[in-house]
PDB file of N, CA and C in Angstrom:
ATOM      1  N   MET A   1       0.214  14.516 -11.215  1.00  0.00           N
ATOM      2  CA  MET A   1       0.506  13.893 -12.433  1.00  0.00           C
ATOM      3  C   MET A   1       0.229  14.859 -13.632  1.00  0.00           C
ATOM      4  N   SER A   2       1.044  15.062 -14.719  1.00  0.00           N
ATOM      5  CA  SER A   2       0.670  16.013 -15.680  1.00  0.00           C
ATOM      6  C   SER A   2      -0.565  15.680 -16.345  1.00  0.00           C
ATOM      7  N   SER A   3      -1.301  16.538 -17.026  1.00  0.00           N
ATOM      8  CA  SER A   3      -2.632  16.167 -17.553  1.00  0.00           C
ATOM      9  C   SER A   3      -2.612  15.285 -18.652  1.00  0.00           C
ATOM     10  N   GLU A   4      -1.501  15.306 -19.487  1.00  0.00           N
ATOM     11  CA  GLU A   4      -1.404  14.372 -20.734  1.00  0.00           C
ATOM     12  C   GLU A   4      -1.053  12.909 -20.207  1.00  0.00           C
ATOM     13  N   ASN A   5      -0.753  12.668 -19.053  1.00  0.00           N
ATOM     14  CA  ASN A   5      -0.269  11.394 -18.523  1.00  0.00           C
ATOM     15  C   ASN A   5      -1.360  10.883 -17.530  1.00  0.00           C
ATOM     16  N   GLN A   6      -2.304  11.502 -17.224  1.00  0.00           N
ATOM     17  CA  GLN A   6      -3.350  11.267 -16.143  1.00  0.00           C
ATOM     18  C   GLN A   6      -4.130   9.940 -16.586  1.00  0.00           C
ATOM     19  N   VAL A   7      -4.028   9.169 -15.470  1.00  0.00           N
ATOM     20  CA  VAL A   7      -4.810   7.776 -15.519  1.00  0.00           C
ATOM     21  C   VAL A   7      -5.717   7.868 -14.358  1.00  0.00           C
ATOM     22  N   ASP A   8      -6.954   7.285 -14.407  1.00  0.00           N
ATOM     23  CA  ASP A   8      -7.806   7.167 -13.452  1.00  0.00           C
ATOM     24  C   ASP A   8      -7.377   6.119 -12.607  1.00  0.00           C
ATOM     25  N   LEU A   9      -6.651   6.258 -11.574  1.00  0.00           N
ATOM     26  CA  LEU A   9      -6.117   5.265 -10.795  1.00  0.00           C
ATOM     27  C   LEU A   9      -7.130   4.320  -9.984  1.00  0.00           C
ATOM     28  N   ASP A  10      -8.218   4.960  -9.655  1.00  0.00           N
ATOM     29  CA  ASP A  10      -9.327   4.157  -9.052  1.00  0.00           C
ATOM     30  C   ASP A  10      -9.660   2.978 -10.131  1.00  0.00           C
ATOM     31  N   ILE A  11      -9.925   3.373 -11.140  1.00  0.00           N
ATOM     32  CA  ILE A  11     -10.452   2.373 -12.221  1.00  0.00           C
ATOM     33  C   ILE A  11      -9.488   1.396 -12.421  1.00  0.00           C
ATOM     34  N   ALA A  12      -8.231   1.612 -12.440  1.00  0.00           N
ATOM     35  CA  ALA A  12      -7.213   0.744 -12.694  1.00  0.00           C
ATOM     36  C   ALA A  12      -7.019  -0.247 -11.589  1.00  0.00           C
ATOM     37  N   LEU A  13      -7.096   0.293 -10.316  1.00  0.00           N
ATOM     38  CA  LEU A  13      -7.113  -0.451  -9.075  1.00  0.00           C
ATOM     39  C   LEU A  13      -8.274  -1.357  -8.930  1.00  0.00           C
ATOM     40  N   ARG A  14      -9.392  -0.934  -9.297  1.00  0.00           N
ATOM     41  CA  ARG A  14     -10.581  -1.689  -9.172  1.00  0.00           C
ATOM     42  C   ARG A  14     -10.509  -2.822 -10.256  1.00  0.00           C
ATOM     43  N   LYS A  15      -9.840  -2.729 -11.315  1.00  0.00           N
ATOM     44  CA  LYS A  15      -9.841  -3.769 -12.369  1.00  0.00           C
ATOM     45  C   LYS A  15      -8.676  -4.744 -11.783  1.00  0.00           C
ATOM     46  N   LEU A  16      -7.742  -4.333 -11.268  1.00  0.00           N
ATOM     47  CA  LEU A  16      -6.610  -5.127 -10.745  1.00  0.00           C
ATOM     48  C   LEU A  16      -6.976  -5.946  -9.489  1.00  0.00           C
ATOM     49  N   HIS A  17      -8.164  -5.461  -8.824  1.00  0.00           N
ATOM     50  CA  HIS A  17      -8.714  -6.207  -7.540  1.00  0.00           C
ATOM     51  C   HIS A  17      -9.634  -7.342  -8.109  1.00  0.00           C
ATOM     52  N   GLU A  18     -10.407  -6.927  -9.238  1.00  0.00           N
ATOM     53  CA  GLU A  18     -11.156  -7.969  -9.941  1.00  0.00           C
ATOM     54  C   GLU A  18     -10.362  -9.203 -10.594  1.00  0.00           C
ATOM     55  N   LEU A  19      -9.171  -8.807 -11.002  1.00  0.00           N
ATOM     56  CA  LEU A  19      -8.289  -9.760 -11.460  1.00  0.00           C
ATOM     57  C   LEU A  19      -7.696 -10.667 -10.249  1.00  0.00           C
ATOM     58  N   ALA A  20      -7.456  -9.912  -9.229  1.00  0.00           N
ATOM     59  CA  ALA A  20      -6.767 -10.652  -8.124  1.00  0.00           C
ATOM     60  C   ALA A  20      -7.937 -11.605  -7.636  1.00  0.00           C
ATOM     61  N   LEU A  21      -9.134 -11.273  -7.558  1.00  0.00           N
ATOM     62  CA  LEU A  21     -10.124 -12.049  -6.830  1.00  0.00           C
ATOM     63  C   LEU A  21     -10.328 -13.255  -7.889  1.00  0.00           C
ATOM     64  N   ALA A  22     -10.195 -13.133  -9.114  1.00  0.00           N
ATOM     65  CA  ALA A  22     -10.387 -14.151 -10.001  1.00  0.00           C
ATOM     66  C   ALA A  22      -9.223 -15.214 -10.155  1.00  0.00           C
ATOM     67  N   ASP A  23      -8.176 -14.783  -9.889  1.00  0.00           N
ATOM     68  CA  ASP A  23      -7.016 -15.670  -9.877  1.00  0.00           C
ATOM     69  C   ASP A  23      -6.510 -16.516  -8.682  1.00  0.00           C
ATOM     70  N   GLY A  24      -7.274 -16.407  -7.575  1.00  0.00           N
ATOM     71  CA  GLY A  24      -6.970 -16.935  -6.385  1.00  0.00           C
ATOM     72  C   GLY A  24      -5.955 -16.384  -5.625  1.00  0.00           C
ATOM     73  N   ASP A  25      -5.315 -17.366  -4.646  1.00  0.00           N
ATOM     74  CA  ASP A  25      -4.345 -16.730  -3.800  1.00  0.00           C
ATOM     75  C   ASP A  25      -3.056 -16.423  -4.374  1.00  0.00           C
ATOM     76  N   LEU A  26      -2.486 -17.101  -5.290  1.00  0.00           N
ATOM     77  CA  LEU A  26      -1.297 -16.644  -5.959  1.00  0.00           C
ATOM     78  C   LEU A  26      -1.456 -15.567  -6.917  1.00  0.00           C
ATOM     79  N   GLY A  27      -2.583 -15.622  -7.620  1.00  0.00           N
ATOM     80  CA  GLY A  27      -2.847 -14.522  -8.409  1.00  0.00           C
ATOM     81  C   GLY A  27      -3.183 -12.982  -7.609  1.00  0.00           C
ATOM     82  N   TYR A  28      -3.744 -13.289  -6.599  1.00  0.00           N
ATOM     83  CA  TYR A  28      -4.206 -12.150  -5.760  1.00  0.00           C
ATOM     84  C   TYR A  28      -3.011 -11.458  -5.383  1.00  0.00           C
ATOM     85  N   GLU A  29      -1.996 -12.243  -4.767  1.00  0.00           N
ATOM     86  CA  GLU A  29      -0.697 -11.564  -4.388  1.00  0.00           C
ATOM     87  C   GLU A  29      -0.019 -10.975  -5.499  1.00  0.00           C
ATOM     88  N   TYR A  30      -0.051 -11.420  -6.588  1.00  0.00           N
ATOM     89  CA  TYR A  30       0.618 -10.848  -7.970  1.00  0.00           C
ATOM     90  C   TYR A  30      -0.046  -9.435  -8.227  1.00  0.00           C
ATOM     91  N   TRP A  31      -1.358  -9.354  -8.497  1.00  0.00           N
ATOM     92  CA  TRP A  31      -2.178  -8.294  -8.729  1.00  0.00           C
ATOM     93  C   TRP A  31      -1.972  -7.278  -7.618  1.00  0.00           C
ATOM     94  N   TYR A  32      -2.107  -7.774  -6.406  1.00  0.00           N
ATOM     95  CA  TYR A  32      -1.856  -6.772  -5.244  1.00  0.00           C
ATOM     96  C   TYR A  32      -0.502  -6.046  -5.483  1.00  0.00           C
ATOM     97  N   ARG A  33       0.462  -6.792  -5.796  1.00  0.00           N
ATOM     98  CA  ARG A  33       1.738  -5.978  -5.838  1.00  0.00           C
ATOM     99  C   ARG A  33       1.761  -5.175  -7.095  1.00  0.00           C
ATOM    100  N   ILE A  34       1.204  -5.588  -8.154  1.00  0.00           N
ATOM    101  CA  ILE A  34       1.063  -4.665  -9.303  1.00  0.00           C
ATOM    102  C   ILE A  34       0.414  -3.371  -9.073  1.00  0.00           C
ATOM    103  N   GLY A  35      -0.597  -3.530  -8.110  1.00  0.00           N
ATOM    104  CA  GLY A  35      -1.575  -2.390  -7.713  1.00  0.00           C
ATOM    105  C   GLY A  35      -0.543  -1.418  -6.850  1.00  0.00           C
ATOM    106  N   GLN A  36       0.284  -2.011  -5.984  1.00  0.00           N
ATOM    107  CA  GLN A  36       1.100  -1.261  -5.290  1.00  0.00           C
ATOM    108  C   GLN A  36       2.300  -0.555  -6.074  1.00  0.00           C
ATOM    109  N   LEU A  37       2.697  -1.240  -7.157  1.00  0.00           N
ATOM    110  CA  LEU A  37       3.629  -0.577  -8.076  1.00  0.00           C
ATOM    111  C   LEU A  37       2.913   0.544  -8.601  1.00  0.00           C
ATOM    112  N   LEU A  38       1.700   0.497  -9.031  1.00  0.00           N
ATOM    113  CA  LEU A  38       1.107   1.444  -9.739  1.00  0.00           C
ATOM    114  C   LEU A  38       0.832   2.605  -8.969  1.00  0.00           C
ATOM    115  N   LYS A  39       0.406   2.443  -7.633  1.00  0.00           N
ATOM    116  CA  LYS A  39       0.290   3.551  -6.748  1.00  0.00           C
ATOM    117  C   LYS A  39       1.627   4.221  -6.555  1.00  0.00           C
ATOM    118  N   ARG A  40       2.707   3.605  -6.524  1.00  0.00           N
ATOM    119  CA  ARG A  40       4.156   4.330  -6.320  1.00  0.00           C
ATOM    120  C   ARG A  40       4.532   4.911  -7.476  1.00  0.00           C
ATOM    121  N   ALA A  41       4.302   4.520  -8.806  1.00  0.00           N
ATOM    122  CA  ALA A  41       4.548   5.150  -9.912  1.00  0.00           C
ATOM    123  C   ALA A  41       3.806   6.323  -9.992  1.00  0.00           C
ATOM    124  N   ALA A  42       2.373   6.476  -9.723  1.00  0.00           N
ATOM    125  CA  ALA A  42       1.882   7.593  -9.691  1.00  0.00           C
ATOM    126  C   ALA A  42       2.426   8.589  -8.672  1.00  0.00           C
ATOM    127  N   SER A  43       2.669   8.230  -7.450  1.00  0.00           N
ATOM    128  CA  SER A  43       3.206   9.121  -6.536  1.00  0.00           C
ATOM    129  C   SER A  43       4.721   9.532  -7.123  1.00  0.00           C
ATOM    130  N   MET A  44       5.445   8.766  -7.748  1.00  0.00           N
ATOM    131  CA  MET A  44       6.670   9.221  -8.258  1.00  0.00           C
ATOM    132  C   MET A  44       6.539  10.475  -9.379  1.00  0.00           C
ATOM    133  N   GLN A  45       5.484   9.929 -10.039  1.00  0.00           N
ATOM    134  CA  GLN A  45       5.157  10.955 -11.380  1.00  0.00           C
ATOM    135  C   GLN A  45       4.871  12.269 -10.800  1.00  0.00           C
ATOM    136  N   SER A  46       4.074  12.294  -9.768  1.00  0.00           N
ATOM    137  CA  SER A  46       3.650  13.629  -8.944  1.00  0.00           C
ATOM    138  C   SER A  46       4.937  14.355  -8.514  1.00  0.00           C
ATOM    139  N   GLU A  47       5.892  13.574  -7.937  1.00  0.00           N
ATOM    140  CA  GLU A  47       7.150  14.204  -7.464  1.00  0.00           C
ATOM    141  C   GLU A  47       8.003  14.701  -8.612  1.00  0.00           C
ATOM    142  N   ILE A  48       8.032  14.047  -9.772  1.00  0.00           N
ATOM    143  CA  ILE A  48       8.674  14.384 -10.848  1.00  0.00           C
ATOM    144  C   ILE A  48       8.174  15.578 -11.393  1.00  0.00           C
ATOM    145  N   ASP A  49       6.916  15.785 -11.498  1.00  0.00           N
ATOM    146  CA  ASP A  49       6.186  16.966 -12.066  1.00  0.00           C
ATOM    147  C   ASP A  49       6.488  18.140 -11.177  1.00  0.00           C
ATOM    148  N   ALA A  50       6.475  18.010  -9.706  1.00  0.00           N
ATOM    149  CA  ALA A  50       6.797  19.023  -8.842  1.00  0.00           C
ATOM    150  C   ALA A  50       8.316  19.522  -9.039  1.00  0.00           C
ATOM    151  N   LEU A  51       9.016  18.525  -9.058  1.00  0.00           N
ATOM    152  CA  LEU A  51      10.413  18.905  -9.344  1.00  0.00           C
ATOM    153  C   LEU A  51      10.795  19.478 -10.499  1.00  0.00           C
ATOM    154  N   SER A  52      10.066  19.185 -11.729  1.00  0.00           N
ATOM    155  CA  SER A  52      10.065  19.788 -12.957  1.00  0.00           C
ATOM    156  C   SER A  52       9.783  21.261 -12.904  1.00  0.00           C
ATOM    157  N   ARG A  53       8.663  21.684 -12.121  1.00  0.00           N
ATOM    158  CA  ARG A  53       8.231  23.088 -11.955  1.00  0.00           C
ATOM    159  C   ARG A  53       9.360  23.772 -11.221  1.00  0.00           C
ATOM    160  N   GLU A  54       9.829  23.134 -10.266  1.00  0.00           N
ATOM    161  CA  GLU A  54      10.835  23.841  -9.512  1.00  0.00           C
ATOM    162  C   GLU A  54      11.934  24.177 -10.275  1.00  0.00           C
ATOM    163  N   LEU A  55      12.472  23.183 -11.025  1.00  0.00           N
ATOM    164  CA  LEU A  55      13.566  23.371 -11.791  1.00  0.00           C
ATOM    165  C   LEU A  55      13.511  24.593 -12.873  1.00  0.00           C
ATOM    166  N   GLU A  56      12.265  24.585 -13.424  1.00  0.00           N
ATOM    167  CA  GLU A  56      11.960  25.618 -14.404  1.00  0.00           C
ATOM    168  C   GLU A  56      12.011  27.075 -13.702  1.00  0.00           C
ATOM    169  N   LYS A  57      11.455  27.079 -12.446  1.00  0.00           N
ATOM    170  CA  LYS A  57      11.780  28.219 -11.611  1.00  0.00           C
ATOM    171  C   LYS A  57      13.074  28.721 -11.381  1.00  0.00           C
ATOM    172  N   CYS A  58      13.802  27.609 -11.074  1.00  0.00           N
ATOM    173  CA  CYS A  58      15.288  28.114 -10.754  1.00  0.00           C
ATOM    174  C   CYS A  58      15.883  28.566 -12.191  1.00  0.00           C
ATOM    175  N   ARG A  59      15.534  27.779 -13.336  1.00  0.00           N
ATOM    176  CA  ARG A  59      16.216  28.158 -14.587  1.00  0.00           C
ATOM    177  C   ARG A  59      15.878  29.578 -14.996  1.00  0.00           C
ATOM    178  N   ALA A  60      14.700  29.955 -14.580  1.00  0.00           N
ATOM    179  CA  ALA A  60      14.129  31.308 -14.934  1.00  0.00           C
ATOM    180  C   ALA A  60      14.850  32.314 -14.031  1.00  0.00           C
ATOM    181  N   ARG A  61      14.914  31.998 -12.787  1.00  0.00           N
ATOM    182  CA  ARG A  61      15.724  33.007 -11.909  1.00  0.00           C
ATOM    183  C   ARG A  61      17.115  33.033 -12.340  1.00  0.00           C
ATOM    184  N   GLN A  62      17.712  31.923 -12.790  1.00  0.00           N
ATOM    185  CA  GLN A  62      19.292  31.842 -13.020  1.00  0.00           C
ATOM    186  C   GLN A  62      19.449  32.784 -14.557  1.00  0.00           C
ATOM    187  N   GLU A  63      18.500  32.724 -15.403  1.00  0.00           N
ATOM    188  CA  GLU A  63      18.617  33.508 -16.572  1.00  0.00           C
ATOM    189  C   GLU A  63      18.432  35.086 -16.339  1.00  0.00           C
ATOM    190  N   LYS A  64      17.897  35.400 -15.258  1.00  0.00           N
ATOM    191  CA  LYS A  64      17.866  36.814 -14.896  1.00  0.00           C
ATOM    192  C   LYS A  64      19.295  37.407 -14.314  1.00  0.00           C
ATOM    193  N   ARG A  65      19.979  36.469 -13.912  1.00  0.00           N
ATOM    194  CA  ARG A  65      21.213  36.900 -13.117  1.00  0.00           C
ATOM    195  C   ARG A  65      22.223  37.061 -14.116  1.00  0.00           C
ATOM    196  N   PRO A  66      23.122  37.990 -13.866  1.00  0.00           N
ATOM    197  CA  PRO A  66      24.331  38.114 -14.844  1.00  0.00           C
ATOM    198  C   PRO A  66      25.205  37.057 -14.774  1.00  0.00           C
ATOM    199  N   ALA A  67      25.769  36.594 -15.724  1.00  0.00           N
ATOM    200  CA  ALA A  67      26.714  35.575 -15.797  1.00  0.00           C
ATOM    201  C   ALA A  67      28.001  35.960 -14.895  1.00  0.00           C
ATOM    202  N   PHE A  68      28.499  34.774 -14.148  1.00  0.00           N
ATOM    203  CA  PHE A  68      29.666  35.042 -13.469  1.00  0.00           C
ATOM    204  C   PHE A  68      30.777  34.108 -13.827  1.00  0.00           C
ATOM    205  N   SER A  69      31.996  34.427 -13.936  1.00  0.00           N
ATOM    206  CA  SER A  69      33.108  33.613 -14.291  1.00  0.00           C
ATOM    207  C   SER A  69      33.833  33.177 -13.114  1.00  0.00           C
ATOM    208  N   THR A  70      33.742  31.897 -12.750  1.00  0.00           N
ATOM    209  CA  THR A  70      34.541  31.420 -11.582  1.00  0.00           C
ATOM    210  C   THR A  70      35.874  31.441 -11.747  1.00  0.00           C
ATOM    211  N   LEU A  71      36.400  31.422 -13.019  1.00  0.00           N
ATOM    212  CA  LEU A  71      37.917  31.267 -13.330  1.00  0.00           C
ATOM    213  C   LEU A  71      38.520  32.748 -12.845  1.00  0.00           C
ATOM    214  N   THR A  72      37.866  33.938 -13.108  1.00  0.00           N
ATOM    215  CA  THR A  72      38.368  35.157 -12.884  1.00  0.00           C
ATOM    216  C   THR A  72      37.890  35.797 -11.894  1.00  0.00           C
ATOM    217  N   GLY A  73      36.676  35.453 -11.392  1.00  0.00           N
ATOM    218  CA  GLY A  73      36.016  36.115 -10.283  1.00  0.00           C
ATOM    219  C   GLY A  73      35.298  37.364 -10.823  1.00  0.00           C
ATOM    220  N   THR A  74      35.162  37.529 -12.036  1.00  0.00           N
ATOM    221  CA  THR A  74      34.536  38.797 -12.671  1.00  0.00           C
ATOM    222  C   THR A  74      33.201  38.258 -13.395  1.00  0.00           C
ATOM    223  N   LYS A  75      32.365  39.309 -13.508  1.00  0.00           N
ATOM    224  CA  LYS A  75      31.244  39.301 -14.303  1.00  0.00           C
ATOM    225  C   LYS A  75      31.602  39.068 -15.749  1.00  0.00           C
ATOM    226  N   ALA A  76      30.642  38.393 -16.489  1.00  0.00           N
ATOM    227  CA  ALA A  76      31.194  38.300 -17.970  1.00  0.00           C
ATOM    228  C   ALA A  76      31.076  39.543 -18.822  1.00  0.00           C
ATOM    229  N   GLY A  77      32.008  39.853 -19.426  1.00  0.00           N
ATOM    230  CA  GLY A  77      31.996  41.083 -20.229  1.00  0.00           C
ATOM    231  C   GLY A  77      33.057  42.047 -19.530  1.00  0.00           C
ATOM    232  N   GLU A  78      33.587  41.710 -18.352  1.00  0.00           N
ATOM    233  CA  GLU A  78      34.478  42.789 -17.719  1.00  0.00           C
ATOM    234  C   GLU A  78      35.893  42.540 -18.107  1.00  0.00           C
TER     235      GLU A  78
END
């Protein structure tokens, strides 16, 4: 997860567990599912961050290559 969006997941999950225990069976199921969603969101954010870094690398490589016209089959400026 990017540093500006980091949340201590352990603290959040402990709090959700406390809420789950306090709310009984139905509340437990609800808070458990919220915890699972939170874990999935953190995992997805990590994947988004990794893909963003990879995209930036691809864009940097693309900028170094000469432009190519698909219409004429020639490099730009020819």
